[in-house]
Structure formats: C-alpha cells, structure tokens
C-alpha atoms as a PDB file:
ATOM      1  CA  UNK A   1      10.876   5.493  18.356  1.00  0.00           C
ATOM      2  CA  UNK A   2      10.117   3.406  15.261  1.00  0.00           C
ATOM      3  CA  UNK A   3      10.744   5.119  11.933  1.00  0.00           C
ATOM      4  CA  UNK A   4       9.790   4.546   8.330  1.00  0.00           C
ATOM      5  CA  UNK A   5      12.559   5.499   5.920  1.00  0.00           C
ATOM      6  CA  UNK A   6      13.270   5.336   2.217  1.00  0.00           C
ATOM      7  CA  UNK A   7      16.770   4.137   1.385  1.00  0.00           C
ATOM      8  CA  UNK A   8      19.126   6.205  -0.785  1.00  0.00           C
ATOM      9  CA  UNK A   9      19.374   3.239  -3.154  1.00  0.00           C
ATOM     10  CA  UNK A  10      15.674   3.408  -3.897  1.00  0.00           C
ATOM     11  CA  UNK A  11      15.940   7.050  -4.888  1.00  0.00           C
ATOM     12  CA  UNK A  12      18.864   6.149  -7.149  1.00  0.00           C
ATOM     13  CA  UNK A  13      16.541   3.805  -9.030  1.00  0.00           C
ATOM     14  CA  UNK A  14      13.296   5.801  -8.667  1.00  0.00           C
ATOM     15  CA  UNK A  15      14.228   9.430  -7.941  1.00  0.00           C
ATOM     16  CA  UNK A  16      10.693  10.842  -8.057  1.00  0.00           C
ATOM     17  CA  UNK A  17       8.904   8.372  -5.800  1.00  0.00           C
ATOM     18  CA  UNK A  18       6.491   9.923  -3.295  1.00  0.00           C
ATOM     19  CA  UNK A  19       5.132   8.285  -0.150  1.00  0.00           C
ATOM     20  CA  UNK A  20       2.425   9.614   2.141  1.00  0.00           C
ATOM     21  CA  UNK A  21       2.197   8.108   5.631  1.00  0.00           C
ATOM     22  CA  UNK A  22      -0.607   7.894   8.189  1.00  0.00           C
ATOM     23  CA  UNK A  23       0.726   6.695  11.550  1.00  0.00           C
ATOM     24  CA  UNK A  24      -2.053   5.700  13.939  1.00  0.00           C
ATOM     25  CA  UNK A  25      -2.572   4.358  17.429  1.00  0.00           C
ATOM     26  CA  UNK A  26      -5.514   3.547  19.665  1.00  0.00           C
ATOM     27  CA  UNK A  27      -7.802   2.641  16.769  1.00  0.00           C
ATOM     28  CA  UNK A  28     -10.769   0.271  16.797  1.00  0.00           C
ATOM     29  CA  UNK A  29     -10.522  -1.990  13.776  1.00  0.00           C
ATOM     30  CA  UNK A  30     -13.072  -4.653  14.714  1.00  0.00           C
ATOM     31  CA  UNK A  31     -16.583  -4.987  13.368  1.00  0.00           C
ATOM     32  CA  UNK A  32     -18.252  -3.899  10.158  1.00  0.00           C
ATOM     33  CA  UNK A  33     -19.507  -0.444   9.235  1.00  0.00           C
ATOM     34  CA  UNK A  34     -22.488  -0.075   6.906  1.00  0.00           C
ATOM     35  CA  UNK A  35     -21.340   3.431   6.014  1.00  0.00           C
ATOM     36  CA  UNK A  36     -17.847   2.226   5.139  1.00  0.00           C
ATOM     37  CA  UNK A  37     -19.239  -0.676   3.110  1.00  0.00           C
ATOM     38  CA  UNK A  38     -21.408   1.762   1.152  1.00  0.00           C
ATOM     39  CA  UNK A  39     -18.391   4.003   0.547  1.00  0.00           C
ATOM     40  CA  UNK A  40     -16.361   1.094  -0.798  1.00  0.00           C
ATOM     41  CA  UNK A  41     -19.186   0.074  -3.171  1.00  0.00           C
ATOM     42  CA  UNK A  42     -19.439   3.661  -4.383  1.00  0.00           C
ATOM     43  CA  UNK A  43     -15.703   3.915  -5.058  1.00  0.00           C
ATOM     44  CA  UNK A  44     -15.728   0.572  -6.885  1.00  0.00           C
ATOM     45  CA  UNK A  45     -18.524   1.764  -9.165  1.00  0.00           C
ATOM     46  CA  UNK A  46     -16.898   5.156  -9.692  1.00  0.00           C
ATOM     47  CA  UNK A  47     -13.534   3.685 -10.641  1.00  0.00           C
ATOM     48  CA  UNK A  48     -15.111   1.158 -13.016  1.00  0.00           C
ATOM     49  CA  UNK A  49     -17.197   3.895 -14.648  1.00  0.00           C
ATOM     50  CA  UNK A  50     -14.252   6.257 -15.143  1.00  0.00           C
ATOM     51  CA  UNK A  51     -12.065   3.539 -16.623  1.00  0.00           C
ATOM     52  CA  UNK A  52     -14.868   2.307 -18.846  1.00  0.00           C
ATOM     53  CA  UNK A  53     -15.473   5.781 -20.218  1.00  0.00           C
ATOM     54  CA  UNK A  54     -11.810   6.256 -21.079  1.00  0.00           C
ATOM     55  CA  UNK A  55     -11.833   3.244 -23.396  1.00  0.00           C
ATOM     56  CA  UNK A  56      -8.090   2.745 -22.971  1.00  0.00           C
ATOM     57  CA  UNK A  57      -6.595  -0.560 -21.794  1.00  0.00           C
ATOM     58  CA  UNK A  58      -5.926  -0.578 -18.062  1.00  0.00           C
ATOM     59  CA  UNK A  59      -2.248  -1.287 -18.725  1.00  0.00           C
ATOM     60  CA  UNK A  60      -1.985   2.113 -20.463  1.00  0.00           C
ATOM     61  CA  UNK A  61      -3.638   4.146 -17.736  1.00  0.00           C
ATOM     62  CA  UNK A  62      -1.197   6.843 -16.514  1.00  0.00           C
ATOM     63  CA  UNK A  63      -1.606   5.685 -12.913  1.00  0.00           C
ATOM     64  CA  UNK A  64      -0.968   2.023 -13.800  1.00  0.00           C
ATOM     65  CA  UNK A  65       1.638   2.070 -16.573  1.00  0.00           C
ATOM     66  CA  UNK A  66       4.412   3.638 -14.403  1.00  0.00           C
ATOM     67  CA  UNK A  67       4.049   0.819 -11.890  1.00  0.00           C
ATOM     68  CA  UNK A  68       4.304  -1.766 -14.638  1.00  0.00           C
ATOM     69  CA  UNK A  69       7.505  -0.093 -15.819  1.00  0.00           C
ATOM     70  CA  UNK A  70       8.867   0.063 -12.261  1.00  0.00           C
ATOM     71  CA  UNK A  71       8.155  -3.635 -11.746  1.00  0.00           C
ATOM     72  CA  UNK A  72       9.962  -4.485 -14.983  1.00  0.00           C
ATOM     73  CA  UNK A  73      12.897  -2.356 -13.854  1.00  0.00           C
ATOM     74  CA  UNK A  74      13.431  -4.466 -10.726  1.00  0.00           C
ATOM     75  CA  UNK A  75      12.839  -7.754 -12.538  1.00  0.00           C
ATOM     76  CA  UNK A  76       9.171  -8.580 -11.874  1.00  0.00           C
ATOM     77  CA  UNK A  77       6.640  -9.413 -14.584  1.00  0.00           C
ATOM     78  CA  UNK A  78       3.620  -7.093 -14.192  1.00  0.00           C
ATOM     79  CA  UNK A  79       1.360  -9.682 -15.831  1.00  0.00           C
ATOM     80  CA  UNK A  80       2.178 -12.218 -13.125  1.00  0.00           C
ATOM     81  CA  UNK A  81       2.684  -9.767 -10.251  1.00  0.00           C
ATOM     82  CA  UNK A  82       0.444  -6.713 -10.790  1.00  0.00           C
ATOM     83  CA  UNK A  83       0.790  -3.685  -8.566  1.00  0.00           C
ATOM     84  CA  UNK A  84      -1.890  -3.296  -5.917  1.00  0.00           C
ATOM     85  CA  UNK A  85      -3.703  -0.560  -7.860  1.00  0.00           C
ATOM     86  CA  UNK A  86      -3.742  -2.600 -11.073  1.00  0.00           C
ATOM     87  CA  UNK A  87      -5.028  -5.620  -9.174  1.00  0.00           C
ATOM     88  CA  UNK A  88      -7.851  -3.596  -7.584  1.00  0.00           C
ATOM     89  CA  UNK A  89      -8.859  -2.024 -10.874  1.00  0.00           C
ATOM     90  CA  UNK A  90      -8.895  -5.346 -12.714  1.00  0.00           C
ATOM     91  CA  UNK A  91     -11.214  -6.755 -10.083  1.00  0.00           C
ATOM     92  CA  UNK A  92     -13.707  -3.900 -10.174  1.00  0.00           C
ATOM     93  CA  UNK A  93     -13.701  -3.788 -13.984  1.00  0.00           C
ATOM     94  CA  UNK A  94     -14.802  -7.420 -13.936  1.00  0.00           C
ATOM     95  CA  UNK A  95     -17.682  -6.436 -11.666  1.00  0.00           C
ATOM     96  CA  UNK A  96     -16.216  -8.170  -8.614  1.00  0.00           C
ATOM     97  CA  UNK A  97     -16.932  -6.666  -5.192  1.00  0.00           C
ATOM     98  CA  UNK A  98     -14.045  -6.386  -2.773  1.00  0.00           C
ATOM     99  CA  UNK A  99     -14.712  -8.498   0.322  1.00  0.00           C
ATOM    100  CA  UNK A 100     -14.851  -6.957   3.781  1.00  0.00           C
ATOM    101  CA  UNK A 101     -11.543  -7.600   5.544  1.00  0.00           C
ATOM    102  CA  UNK A 102     -11.487  -5.089   8.381  1.00  0.00           C
ATOM    103  CA  UNK A 103     -12.136  -1.374   8.679  1.00  0.00           C
ATOM    104  CA  UNK A 104      -8.622  -0.212   7.888  1.00  0.00           C
ATOM    105  CA  UNK A 105      -8.297  -2.423   4.820  1.00  0.00           C
ATOM    106  CA  UNK A 106     -11.762  -1.463   3.580  1.00  0.00           C
ATOM    107  CA  UNK A 107     -11.098   2.258   3.898  1.00  0.00           C
ATOM    108  CA  UNK A 108      -7.646   2.139   2.318  1.00  0.00           C
ATOM    109  CA  UNK A 109      -9.085   0.201  -0.629  1.00  0.00           C
ATOM    110  CA  UNK A 110     -11.731   2.926  -0.996  1.00  0.00           C
ATOM    111  CA  UNK A 111      -9.061   5.644  -1.033  1.00  0.00           C
ATOM    112  CA  UNK A 112      -6.936   3.666  -3.495  1.00  0.00           C
ATOM    113  CA  UNK A 113      -9.881   3.422  -5.915  1.00  0.00           C
ATOM    114  CA  UNK A 114     -10.865   7.067  -5.448  1.00  0.00           C
ATOM    115  CA  UNK A 115      -7.415   8.444  -6.220  1.00  0.00           C
ATOM    116  CA  UNK A 116      -6.088   5.556  -8.354  1.00  0.00           C
ATOM    117  CA  UNK A 117      -2.918   5.151  -6.322  1.00  0.00           C
ATOM    118  CA  UNK A 118      -1.496   2.206  -4.357  1.00  0.00           C
ATOM    119  CA  UNK A 119      -2.437   2.287  -0.667  1.00  0.00           C
ATOM    120  CA  UNK A 120      -1.507  -0.283   1.975  1.00  0.00           C
ATOM    121  CA  UNK A 121      -0.711  -0.691   5.632  1.00  0.00           C
ATOM    122  CA  UNK A 122       0.935  -2.682   8.394  1.00  0.00           C
ATOM    123  CA  UNK A 123       0.346  -3.537  12.040  1.00  0.00           C
ATOM    124  CA  UNK A 124       3.230  -2.169  14.129  1.00  0.00           C
ATOM    125  CA  UNK A 125       2.919  -4.666  16.964  1.00  0.00           C
ATOM    126  CA  UNK A 126       4.911  -7.426  15.188  1.00  0.00           C
ATOM    127  CA  UNK A 127       7.381  -5.002  13.593  1.00  0.00           C
ATOM    128  CA  UNK A 128      11.002  -5.441  14.681  1.00  0.00           C
ATOM    129  CA  UNK A 129      12.899  -2.150  14.552  1.00  0.00           C
ATOM    130  CA  UNK A 130      12.616   0.516  11.898  1.00  0.00           C
ATOM    131  CA  UNK A 131      10.882  -0.069   8.570  1.00  0.00           C
ATOM    132  CA  UNK A 132      12.703   0.713   5.341  1.00  0.00           C
ATOM    133  CA  UNK A 133      11.532   0.901   1.745  1.00  0.00           C
ATOM    134  CA  UNK A 134      14.554  -0.443  -0.113  1.00  0.00           C
ATOM    135  CA  UNK A 135      15.946  -2.827  -2.678  1.00  0.00           C
ATOM    136  CA  UNK A 136      16.215  -6.430  -1.539  1.00  0.00           C
ATOM    137  CA  UNK A 137      19.653  -7.950  -1.090  1.00  0.00           C
ATOM    138  CA  UNK A 138      20.747 -11.511  -1.886  1.00  0.00           C
ATOM    139  CA  UNK A 139      20.453 -12.526   1.784  1.00  0.00           C
ATOM    140  CA  UNK A 140      16.840 -11.736   2.672  1.00  0.00           C
ATOM    141  CA  UNK A 141      14.992 -14.065   5.073  1.00  0.00           C
ATOM    142  CA  UNK A 142      12.131 -16.129   3.695  1.00  0.00           C
ATOM    143  CA  UNK A 143       8.742 -14.487   4.160  1.00  0.00           C
ATOM    144  CA  UNK A 144       5.252 -15.950   4.350  1.00  0.00           C
ATOM    145  CA  UNK A 145       2.902 -13.862   2.254  1.00  0.00           C
ATOM    146  CA  UNK A 146      -0.711 -13.075   3.053  1.00  0.00           C
ATOM    147  CA  UNK A 147      -3.007 -16.007   2.352  1.00  0.00           C
ATOM    148  CA  UNK A 148      -0.191 -18.488   1.722  1.00  0.00           C
ATOM    149  CA  UNK A 149       0.737 -21.564   3.807  1.00  0.00           C
ATOM    150  CA  UNK A 150       3.859 -21.421   5.946  1.00  0.00           C
ATOM    151  CA  UNK A 151       5.623 -23.997   3.783  1.00  0.00           C
ATOM    152  CA  UNK A 152       5.415 -21.661   0.789  1.00  0.00           C
ATOM    153  CA  UNK A 153       7.637 -19.033   2.450  1.00  0.00           C
ATOM    154  CA  UNK A 154      10.457 -17.807   0.232  1.00  0.00           C
ATOM    155  CA  UNK A 155      12.842 -14.856   0.217  1.00  0.00           C
ATOM    156  CA  UNK A 156      12.422 -11.771  -1.960  1.00  0.00           C
ATOM    157  CA  UNK A 157      14.482 -11.757  -5.125  1.00  0.00           C
ATOM    158  CA  UNK A 158      17.618  -9.585  -5.057  1.00  0.00           C
ATOM    159  CA  UNK A 159      16.897  -6.125  -6.413  1.00  0.00           C
ATOM    160  CA  UNK A 160      13.133  -6.152  -5.970  1.00  0.00           C
ATOM    161  CA  UNK A 161      11.613  -3.312  -3.952  1.00  0.00           C
ATOM    162  CA  UNK A 162      10.449  -4.281  -0.465  1.00  0.00           C
ATOM    163  CA  UNK A 163       9.317  -2.791   2.809  1.00  0.00           C
ATOM    164  CA  UNK A 164      11.381  -4.529   5.482  1.00  0.00           C
ATOM    165  CA  UNK A 165      12.315  -4.479   9.159  1.00  0.00           C
ATOM    166  CA  UNK A 166      15.048  -6.426  10.959  1.00  0.00           C
ATOM    167  CA  UNK A 167      13.042  -9.658  10.708  1.00  0.00           C
ATOM    168  CA  UNK A 168      12.470  -9.451   6.951  1.00  0.00           C
ATOM    169  CA  UNK A 169      10.054  -8.198   4.332  1.00  0.00           C
ATOM    170  CA  UNK A 170       6.705  -6.673   5.267  1.00  0.00           C
ATOM    171  CA  UNK A 171       5.616  -6.358   1.639  1.00  0.00           C
ATOM    172  CA  UNK A 172       7.121  -7.847  -1.521  1.00  0.00           C
ATOM    173  CA  UNK A 173       7.503  -6.346  -4.981  1.00  0.00           C
ATOM    174  CA  UNK A 174       6.837  -2.858  -3.625  1.00  0.00           C
ATOM    175  CA  UNK A 175       3.058  -3.087  -3.191  1.00  0.00           C
ATOM    176  CA  UNK A 176       2.262  -6.458  -4.745  1.00  0.00           C
ATOM    177  CA  UNK A 177       1.574  -8.577  -1.661  1.00  0.00           C
ATOM    178  CA  UNK A 178       1.784  -8.124   2.123  1.00  0.00           C
ATOM    179  CA  UNK A 179       3.557 -10.410   4.564  1.00  0.00           C
ATOM    180  CA  UNK A 180       1.269 -12.401   6.829  1.00  0.00           C
ATOM    181  CA  UNK A 181       3.349 -11.419   9.861  1.00  0.00           C
ATOM    182  CA  UNK A 182       2.423  -7.727   9.859  1.00  0.00           C
ATOM    183  CA  UNK A 183      -1.025  -7.786   8.239  1.00  0.00           C
ATOM    184  CA  UNK A 184      -3.761  -5.523   9.585  1.00  0.00           C
ATOM    185  CA  UNK A 185      -6.328  -7.469  11.602  1.00  0.00           C
ATOM    186  CA  UNK A 186      -9.354  -6.648  13.722  1.00  0.00           C
ATOM    187  CA  UNK A 187      -7.000  -6.703  16.727  1.00  0.00           C
ATOM    188  CA  UNK A 188      -4.747  -3.999  15.246  1.00  0.00           C
ATOM    189  CA  UNK A 189      -4.500  -0.904  17.444  1.00  0.00           C
ATOM    190  CA  UNK A 190      -1.378   0.812  16.126  1.00  0.00           C
ATOM    191  CA  UNK A 191       0.285   0.807  12.760  1.00  0.00           C
ATOM    192  CA  UNK A 192       0.826   2.816   9.618  1.00  0.00           C
ATOM    193  CA  UNK A 193      -0.722   3.256   6.190  1.00  0.00           C
ATOM    194  CA  UNK A 194       1.084   4.399   3.050  1.00  0.00           C
ATOM    195  CA  UNK A 195       0.033   6.133  -0.154  1.00  0.00           C
ATOM    196  CA  UNK A 196       2.511   5.710  -3.008  1.00  0.00           C
ATOM    197  CA  UNK A 197       3.066   7.753  -6.124  1.00  0.00           C
ATOM    198  CA  UNK A 198       5.207   7.617  -9.239  1.00  0.00           C
ATOM    199  CA  UNK A 199       5.062  10.305 -11.970  1.00  0.00           C
ATOM    200  CA  UNK A 200       2.709  11.557 -13.315  1.00  0.00           C
ATOM    201  CA  UNK A 201       1.179  11.245  -9.833  1.00  0.00           C
ATOM    202  CA  UNK A 202       2.404  14.340  -8.024  1.00  0.00           C
ATOM    203  CA  UNK A 203       2.560  15.609  -4.447  1.00  0.00           C
ATOM    204  CA  UNK A 204      -0.891  17.304  -4.507  1.00  0.00           C
ATOM    205  CA  UNK A 205      -2.572  14.019  -5.498  1.00  0.00           C
ATOM    206  CA  UNK A 206      -0.658  12.028  -2.891  1.00  0.00           C
ATOM    207  CA  UNK A 207      -1.505  14.650  -0.264  1.00  0.00           C
ATOM    208  CA  UNK A 208      -5.189  14.591  -1.232  1.00  0.00           C
ATOM    209  CA  UNK A 209      -5.296  10.820  -0.877  1.00  0.00           C
ATOM    210  CA  UNK A 210      -3.408  11.083   2.418  1.00  0.00           C
ATOM    211  CA  UNK A 211      -5.907  13.604   3.796  1.00  0.00           C
ATOM    212  CA  UNK A 212      -8.827  11.381   2.809  1.00  0.00           C
ATOM    213  CA  UNK A 213      -7.119   8.385   4.385  1.00  0.00           C
ATOM    214  CA  UNK A 214      -6.477  10.127   7.717  1.00  0.00           C
ATOM    215  CA  UNK A 215     -10.029  11.494   7.844  1.00  0.00           C
ATOM    216  CA  UNK A 216     -11.544   8.063   7.198  1.00  0.00           C
ATOM    217  CA  UNK A 217      -9.382   6.457   9.896  1.00  0.00           C
ATOM    218  CA  UNK A 218     -10.525   9.114  12.364  1.00  0.00           C
ATOM    219  CA  UNK A 219     -14.189   8.687  11.411  1.00  0.00           C
ATOM    220  CA  UNK A 220     -14.392   4.904  11.269  1.00  0.00           C
ATOM    221  CA  UNK A 221     -11.629   3.744  13.625  1.00  0.00           C
ATOM    222  CA  UNK A 222     -10.987   6.619  16.023  1.00  0.00           C
ATOM    223  CA  UNK A 223      -7.631   6.860  17.755  1.00  0.00           C
ATOM    224  CA  UNK A 224      -4.827   9.307  16.995  1.00  0.00           C
ATOM    225  CA  UNK A 225      -3.420   9.899  13.528  1.00  0.00           C
ATOM    226  CA  UNK A 226      -0.332  11.758  12.286  1.00  0.00           C
ATOM    227  CA  UNK A 227       0.513  12.277   8.625  1.00  0.00           C
ATOM    228  CA  UNK A 228       3.850  12.722   6.859  1.00  0.00           C
ATOM    229  CA  UNK A 229       5.098  13.092   3.305  1.00  0.00           C
ATOM    230  CA  UNK A 230       8.314  11.375   2.247  1.00  0.00           C
ATOM    231  CA  UNK A 231      10.422  12.156  -0.818  1.00  0.00           C
ATOM    232  CA  UNK A 232      14.025  12.945  -1.725  1.00  0.00           C
ATOM    233  CA  UNK A 233      14.037  15.905   0.652  1.00  0.00           C
ATOM    234  CA  UNK A 234      12.452  14.098   3.613  1.00  0.00           C
ATOM    235  CA  UNK A 235      13.416  10.443   3.686  1.00  0.00           C
ATOM    236  CA  UNK A 236      12.175   9.270   7.075  1.00  0.00           C
ATOM    237  CA  UNK A 237       9.395   9.863   9.600  1.00  0.00           C
ATOM    238  CA  UNK A 238       8.409   8.491  13.027  1.00  0.00           C
ATOM    239  CA  UNK A 239       5.559   5.982  12.859  1.00  0.00           C
ATOM    240  CA  UNK A 240       5.294   5.036  16.549  1.00  0.00           C
END
C-alpha cells in the first residue's frame, strides 16, 4: 500500500502545516467538459474581483504572504519562484485565462482559486514507493520539471521543501513546480490531489476545499475517491 507522509523534520520547521488529500482511482481524465470550463472561468473572475476589491498588494494577502515567508525560510526567492497560489492569482489579475490541461488539473485550479489555497496532484502510476513531504537533502537526484527539456534536469537544493518518492522529487519548492515524471495526464486513472494550508488558513478551510475537490472529481471524472487530513497528529495516509 502506497502512503503519503509528512516528515517530522517538516513539522520542526513548519509546525502548523495542514494537508488535505484526495486519493482516487478509476477516473476518466480525458476530454474537455464545457461545465468544468465554465466553472474555471467563474472562479477566475471571482478571485480577480475579490482581490481587486481588497486593494491590497497580492504579496500582502493573508493566503499568499505566509507562503512567501515559508519560501524565504527554506532559501527560495518568492519573486523568482512564486507559490502555486500566488502564480495563479497573478495570472488571473492580469486577465489571463488558464488553459485547459485536463479535467483533474482544471478542477483543482478552480478549487485553488475558490479557496485561495495551493492545490496540486500527481499520477500514481510512475510513483516509486511511498511519497513524503520533506526537506531536501544534499544528495537528491536530478529532476526534470514540467515543461522543461530533459537536459535542464537538476536536483533540488538542500533544505527546500519537496514531495519525493524513492526515485526523486515529485514537486520542487513545496508547490512551485511539478516534476514531469508524475504529472497528471489524460491517461491518468489513479493518483492523489493535495490541498495545503499555512496559518491563518485553518482546518475548516482546508476541509472545505477538500470536500469541493472530491465532489468535483466524482462529478467530472468518476471513479472512487477517499479523503484524508494530515497534520501533526496524523502524519500519513494511504493513497493507493
């Protein structure tokens, strides 16, 4: 049984981190959905409107600033490597529409914009062993990131937060960029999605995003879904 776990070392550095997990199998991820496309457009517009009304810089938003501080803590520059939620919000504030990738990516982007939290996911088929959210060591294998050529592969920097299995990183700089190896594709049938929270994001908000995520997977992709919440008291869950 494959598990997702959070290492003790991560809690030493970030004691209040929360992770919600949707483990799924037997989904249909191919093809476009007009209903899902409409949902994504609606969430883009809603997020842009709410941020515009606040008048505050995006870097000061309470759901963005903690990620910038976390990135600085493990040695990454948020300006050069924005968290996934900051990246999404910057795009929609510029009026850019998120492109269709596949159903799972489209729906997790919609949930991320609705709840203003990082959301991502991985295909389990290429995963080698358990997955751990942990700090990178000084001996990590090189990893090819999504959208990059193979020759650009490079290892994570020691101390940065990564999701990793026995073969290497699945995602670098916590939620900055996915590895090409385990990306969700139209052929994906089993995998897992994560919702991430740092204070002031609390368990009720993570759970609300998790419930929306599981419901959208069931509606638009079918299959079987199980949800879990990870924190200091529950540090691992089965994802296969």
